[in-house]
Amino acid sequence: MTGALPGPSSVAINGRIDRLVVTPDRVLVIDYKTNRPAPDALDRVDPAYVLQAAVYVAVLKRLYPDRPVEAALVWTDGPKLMPIPQAMLDAALANS
């Protein structure tokens, strides 16, 4: 995916989404992580992973303005699906 973050700075980004699920009701971006052991809670996730997901969501919201865009991490060690709340994504972008 290539795009720019919304806002006055329009920072260019380039990345590869591991899994993108697009339905009529929502968009879900999933990033696979291989950390062992996987963190047991969101507050133990590397902030860089949350920021990466936040960037993907920000760009995808511009491509899919008619539906919610959500993000989750899949820890392959489990496997374990860990949705990332929108407030956490927003905070990651605000603090970057």
N, C-alpha and C. Protein backbone atom coordinates (compact mmCIF):
# COMPACT_ATOMS: atom_id res chain seq x y z
N MET A 1 0.84 -1.15 0.00
CA MET A 1 0.00 0.00 0.00
C MET A 1 0.90 1.23 0.00
N THR A 2 0.57 2.17 -0.86
CA THR A 2 1.27 3.45 -0.90
C THR A 2 0.23 4.53 -0.72
N GLY A 3 0.53 5.52 0.10
CA GLY A 3 -0.41 6.60 0.32
C GLY A 3 0.22 7.69 1.15
N ALA A 4 -0.63 8.57 1.64
CA ALA A 4 -0.17 9.67 2.50
C ALA A 4 -1.09 9.76 3.70
N LEU A 5 -0.51 10.08 4.83
CA LEU A 5 -1.31 10.28 6.03
C LEU A 5 -2.13 11.54 5.88
N PRO A 6 -3.37 11.51 6.38
CA PRO A 6 -4.17 12.72 6.33
C PRO A 6 -3.58 13.79 7.26
N GLY A 7 -3.83 15.02 6.93
CA GLY A 7 -3.34 16.12 7.76
C GLY A 7 -2.43 17.04 7.00
N PRO A 8 -2.00 18.09 7.65
CA PRO A 8 -1.20 19.11 6.96
C PRO A 8 0.17 18.61 6.49
N SER A 9 0.73 17.62 7.18
CA SER A 9 2.07 17.17 6.80
C SER A 9 2.05 16.22 5.61
N SER A 10 0.96 15.48 5.41
CA SER A 10 0.82 14.52 4.31
C SER A 10 2.05 13.64 4.16
N VAL A 11 2.47 13.03 5.23
CA VAL A 11 3.64 12.15 5.21
C VAL A 11 3.37 10.96 4.30
N ALA A 12 4.27 10.70 3.37
CA ALA A 12 4.12 9.57 2.46
C ALA A 12 4.45 8.27 3.19
N ILE A 13 3.67 7.24 2.92
CA ILE A 13 3.94 5.94 3.52
C ILE A 13 3.93 4.87 2.43
N ASN A 14 4.62 3.79 2.74
CA ASN A 14 4.67 2.65 1.84
C ASN A 14 4.79 1.41 2.71
N GLY A 15 3.87 0.47 2.56
CA GLY A 15 3.91 -0.72 3.38
C GLY A 15 3.13 -1.85 2.72
N ARG A 16 3.22 -3.00 3.34
CA ARG A 16 2.52 -4.18 2.83
C ARG A 16 1.60 -4.70 3.92
N ILE A 17 0.32 -4.73 3.61
CA ILE A 17 -0.68 -5.25 4.55
C ILE A 17 -0.68 -6.77 4.43
N ASP A 18 -0.63 -7.45 5.58
CA ASP A 18 -0.62 -8.91 5.57
C ASP A 18 -1.96 -9.49 5.12
N ARG A 19 -3.05 -8.92 5.63
CA ARG A 19 -4.37 -9.42 5.28
C ARG A 19 -5.36 -8.27 5.32
N LEU A 20 -6.13 -8.11 4.26
CA LEU A 20 -7.14 -7.07 4.18
C LEU A 20 -8.48 -7.73 3.88
N VAL A 21 -9.44 -7.53 4.76
CA VAL A 21 -10.78 -8.09 4.59
C VAL A 21 -11.73 -6.94 4.34
N VAL A 22 -12.33 -6.91 3.16
CA VAL A 22 -13.26 -5.85 2.79
C VAL A 22 -14.63 -6.48 2.60
N THR A 23 -15.60 -6.03 3.40
CA THR A 23 -16.98 -6.49 3.27
C THR A 23 -17.86 -5.26 3.05
N PRO A 24 -19.12 -5.45 2.71
CA PRO A 24 -19.99 -4.29 2.56
C PRO A 24 -20.15 -3.48 3.85
N ASP A 25 -19.90 -4.13 5.00
CA ASP A 25 -20.12 -3.48 6.30
C ASP A 25 -18.89 -2.88 6.94
N ARG A 26 -17.71 -3.37 6.58
CA ARG A 26 -16.50 -2.89 7.25
C ARG A 26 -15.25 -3.31 6.48
N VAL A 27 -14.12 -2.74 6.92
CA VAL A 27 -12.81 -3.10 6.40
C VAL A 27 -11.97 -3.50 7.61
N LEU A 28 -11.29 -4.63 7.51
CA LEU A 28 -10.44 -5.10 8.61
C LEU A 28 -9.04 -5.32 8.07
N VAL A 29 -8.08 -4.65 8.67
CA VAL A 29 -6.67 -4.83 8.29
C VAL A 29 -6.00 -5.64 9.40
N ILE A 30 -5.34 -6.71 8.99
CA ILE A 30 -4.71 -7.62 9.94
C ILE A 30 -3.21 -7.67 9.66
N ASP A 31 -2.44 -7.60 10.74
CA ASP A 31 -0.99 -7.70 10.62
C ASP A 31 -0.54 -8.90 11.45
N TYR A 32 0.17 -9.81 10.82
CA TYR A 32 0.68 -11.00 11.51
C TYR A 32 1.99 -10.66 12.22
N LYS A 33 2.11 -11.14 13.44
CA LYS A 33 3.33 -10.93 14.23
C LYS A 33 3.81 -12.27 14.77
N THR A 34 5.12 -12.45 14.78
CA THR A 34 5.70 -13.74 15.17
C THR A 34 6.42 -13.72 16.52
N ASN A 35 6.23 -12.66 17.29
CA ASN A 35 6.89 -12.59 18.60
C ASN A 35 6.56 -13.82 19.43
N ARG A 36 7.57 -14.31 20.15
CA ARG A 36 7.37 -15.45 21.04
C ARG A 36 7.99 -15.11 22.38
N PRO A 37 7.25 -15.18 23.43
CA PRO A 37 5.81 -15.39 23.46
C PRO A 37 5.08 -14.12 23.06
N ALA A 38 3.85 -14.30 22.62
CA ALA A 38 3.02 -13.15 22.25
C ALA A 38 2.62 -12.40 23.52
N PRO A 39 2.49 -11.07 23.42
CA PRO A 39 2.04 -10.32 24.60
C PRO A 39 0.63 -10.76 24.99
N ASP A 40 0.36 -10.73 26.29
CA ASP A 40 -0.94 -11.19 26.76
C ASP A 40 -1.96 -10.06 26.88
N ALA A 41 -1.54 -8.82 26.63
CA ALA A 41 -2.45 -7.68 26.72
C ALA A 41 -1.99 -6.57 25.78
N LEU A 42 -2.93 -5.74 25.38
CA LEU A 42 -2.61 -4.65 24.45
C LEU A 42 -1.55 -3.70 24.99
N ASP A 43 -1.56 -3.46 26.30
CA ASP A 43 -0.59 -2.51 26.85
C ASP A 43 0.84 -3.06 26.83
N ARG A 44 1.02 -4.31 26.43
CA ARG A 44 2.35 -4.90 26.31
C ARG A 44 2.81 -5.05 24.87
N VAL A 45 1.99 -4.57 23.95
CA VAL A 45 2.34 -4.63 22.53
C VAL A 45 3.34 -3.52 22.22
N ASP A 46 4.32 -3.83 21.41
CA ASP A 46 5.31 -2.84 20.97
C ASP A 46 4.57 -1.66 20.33
N PRO A 47 4.79 -0.43 20.80
CA PRO A 47 4.10 0.73 20.23
C PRO A 47 4.31 0.88 18.72
N ALA A 48 5.42 0.39 18.21
CA ALA A 48 5.65 0.47 16.76
C ALA A 48 4.62 -0.34 15.99
N TYR A 49 4.17 -1.46 16.56
CA TYR A 49 3.15 -2.28 15.90
C TYR A 49 1.81 -1.55 15.87
N VAL A 50 1.48 -0.88 16.95
CA VAL A 50 0.22 -0.13 17.01
C VAL A 50 0.28 1.04 16.03
N LEU A 51 1.41 1.72 15.96
CA LEU A 51 1.56 2.83 15.02
C LEU A 51 1.45 2.33 13.58
N GLN A 52 2.05 1.21 13.28
CA GLN A 52 1.95 0.64 11.94
C GLN A 52 0.49 0.40 11.57
N ALA A 53 -0.26 -0.21 12.47
CA ALA A 53 -1.68 -0.47 12.22
C ALA A 53 -2.45 0.84 12.08
N ALA A 54 -2.12 1.83 12.90
CA ALA A 54 -2.79 3.12 12.84
C ALA A 54 -2.57 3.80 11.49
N VAL A 55 -1.38 3.70 10.96
CA VAL A 55 -1.08 4.28 9.65
C VAL A 55 -1.90 3.59 8.58
N TYR A 56 -1.95 2.27 8.61
CA TYR A 56 -2.75 1.53 7.64
C TYR A 56 -4.21 1.96 7.71
N VAL A 57 -4.75 2.05 8.92
CA VAL A 57 -6.15 2.43 9.09
C VAL A 57 -6.40 3.84 8.56
N ALA A 58 -5.50 4.77 8.86
CA ALA A 58 -5.67 6.15 8.41
C ALA A 58 -5.73 6.24 6.88
N VAL A 59 -4.87 5.50 6.21
CA VAL A 59 -4.87 5.53 4.74
C VAL A 59 -6.11 4.82 4.19
N LEU A 60 -6.46 3.69 4.78
CA LEU A 60 -7.62 2.94 4.28
C LEU A 60 -8.93 3.67 4.50
N LYS A 61 -9.01 4.49 5.55
CA LYS A 61 -10.23 5.28 5.76
C LYS A 61 -10.48 6.24 4.61
N ARG A 62 -9.41 6.69 3.98
CA ARG A 62 -9.56 7.58 2.82
C ARG A 62 -10.03 6.79 1.60
N LEU A 63 -9.65 5.53 1.52
CA LEU A 63 -10.06 4.69 0.39
C LEU A 63 -11.47 4.12 0.56
N TYR A 64 -11.89 3.95 1.81
CA TYR A 64 -13.21 3.39 2.13
C TYR A 64 -13.95 4.32 3.09
N PRO A 65 -14.33 5.50 2.63
CA PRO A 65 -14.96 6.47 3.53
C PRO A 65 -16.38 6.08 3.96
N ASP A 66 -16.96 5.09 3.30
CA ASP A 66 -18.34 4.71 3.58
C ASP A 66 -18.49 3.59 4.61
N ARG A 67 -17.38 3.13 5.20
CA ARG A 67 -17.49 2.04 6.17
C ARG A 67 -16.37 2.14 7.21
N PRO A 68 -16.61 1.56 8.39
CA PRO A 68 -15.56 1.59 9.41
C PRO A 68 -14.36 0.75 9.01
N VAL A 69 -13.19 1.24 9.38
CA VAL A 69 -11.94 0.51 9.14
C VAL A 69 -11.36 0.14 10.50
N GLU A 70 -11.13 -1.14 10.70
CA GLU A 70 -10.63 -1.65 11.97
C GLU A 70 -9.29 -2.35 11.77
N ALA A 71 -8.56 -2.51 12.86
CA ALA A 71 -7.25 -3.17 12.79
C ALA A 71 -7.13 -4.21 13.89
N ALA A 72 -6.35 -5.24 13.58
CA ALA A 72 -6.08 -6.28 14.56
C ALA A 72 -4.70 -6.87 14.28
N LEU A 73 -4.10 -7.38 15.33
CA LEU A 73 -2.85 -8.12 15.21
C LEU A 73 -3.16 -9.60 15.39
N VAL A 74 -2.51 -10.45 14.62
CA VAL A 74 -2.60 -11.89 14.83
C VAL A 74 -1.22 -12.36 15.25
N TRP A 75 -1.16 -12.89 16.45
CA TRP A 75 0.09 -13.44 16.98
C TRP A 75 0.15 -14.90 16.57
N THR A 76 1.12 -15.25 15.76
CA THR A 76 1.21 -16.61 15.22
C THR A 76 1.61 -17.63 16.28
N ASP A 77 2.12 -17.17 17.40
CA ASP A 77 2.51 -18.06 18.49
C ASP A 77 1.30 -18.73 19.11
N GLY A 78 0.11 -18.13 19.02
CA GLY A 78 -1.09 -18.64 19.67
C GLY A 78 -1.81 -19.73 18.90
N PRO A 79 -2.39 -19.46 17.78
CA PRO A 79 -2.58 -18.12 17.25
C PRO A 79 -3.59 -17.35 18.10
N LYS A 80 -3.45 -16.03 18.09
CA LYS A 80 -4.30 -15.18 18.91
C LYS A 80 -4.61 -13.91 18.15
N LEU A 81 -5.89 -13.59 18.04
CA LEU A 81 -6.34 -12.35 17.39
C LEU A 81 -6.48 -11.27 18.45
N MET A 82 -5.85 -10.11 18.22
CA MET A 82 -5.89 -9.02 19.18
C MET A 82 -6.37 -7.75 18.47
N PRO A 83 -7.68 -7.45 18.54
CA PRO A 83 -8.17 -6.20 17.95
C PRO A 83 -7.56 -5.00 18.66
N ILE A 84 -7.32 -3.94 17.90
CA ILE A 84 -6.76 -2.71 18.46
C ILE A 84 -7.87 -1.66 18.47
N PRO A 85 -8.26 -1.15 19.63
CA PRO A 85 -9.32 -0.15 19.70
C PRO A 85 -8.94 1.14 18.95
N GLN A 86 -9.95 1.79 18.40
CA GLN A 86 -9.72 3.02 17.64
C GLN A 86 -9.02 4.08 18.48
N ALA A 87 -9.35 4.18 19.75
CA ALA A 87 -8.71 5.18 20.62
C ALA A 87 -7.20 4.94 20.71
N MET A 88 -6.79 3.69 20.73
CA MET A 88 -5.36 3.37 20.80
C MET A 88 -4.67 3.72 19.48
N LEU A 89 -5.35 3.47 18.37
CA LEU A 89 -4.81 3.83 17.06
C LEU A 89 -4.66 5.35 16.94
N ASP A 90 -5.70 6.07 17.37
CA ASP A 90 -5.65 7.54 17.32
C ASP A 90 -4.51 8.09 18.16
N ALA A 91 -4.32 7.52 19.35
CA ALA A 91 -3.25 7.98 20.24
C ALA A 91 -1.88 7.72 19.62
N ALA A 92 -1.72 6.59 18.95
CA ALA A 92 -0.44 6.27 18.31
C ALA A 92 -0.10 7.29 17.24
N LEU A 93 -1.09 7.68 16.44
CA LEU A 93 -0.85 8.69 15.40
C LEU A 93 -0.56 10.05 16.01
N ALA A 94 -1.29 10.39 17.05
CA ALA A 94 -1.12 11.71 17.68
C ALA A 94 0.26 11.84 18.32
N ASN A 95 0.80 10.73 18.81
CA ASN A 95 2.09 10.76 19.50
C ASN A 95 3.28 10.50 18.59
N SER A 96 3.02 10.31 17.30
CA SER A 96 4.14 10.00 16.39
C SER A 96 4.77 11.25 15.83
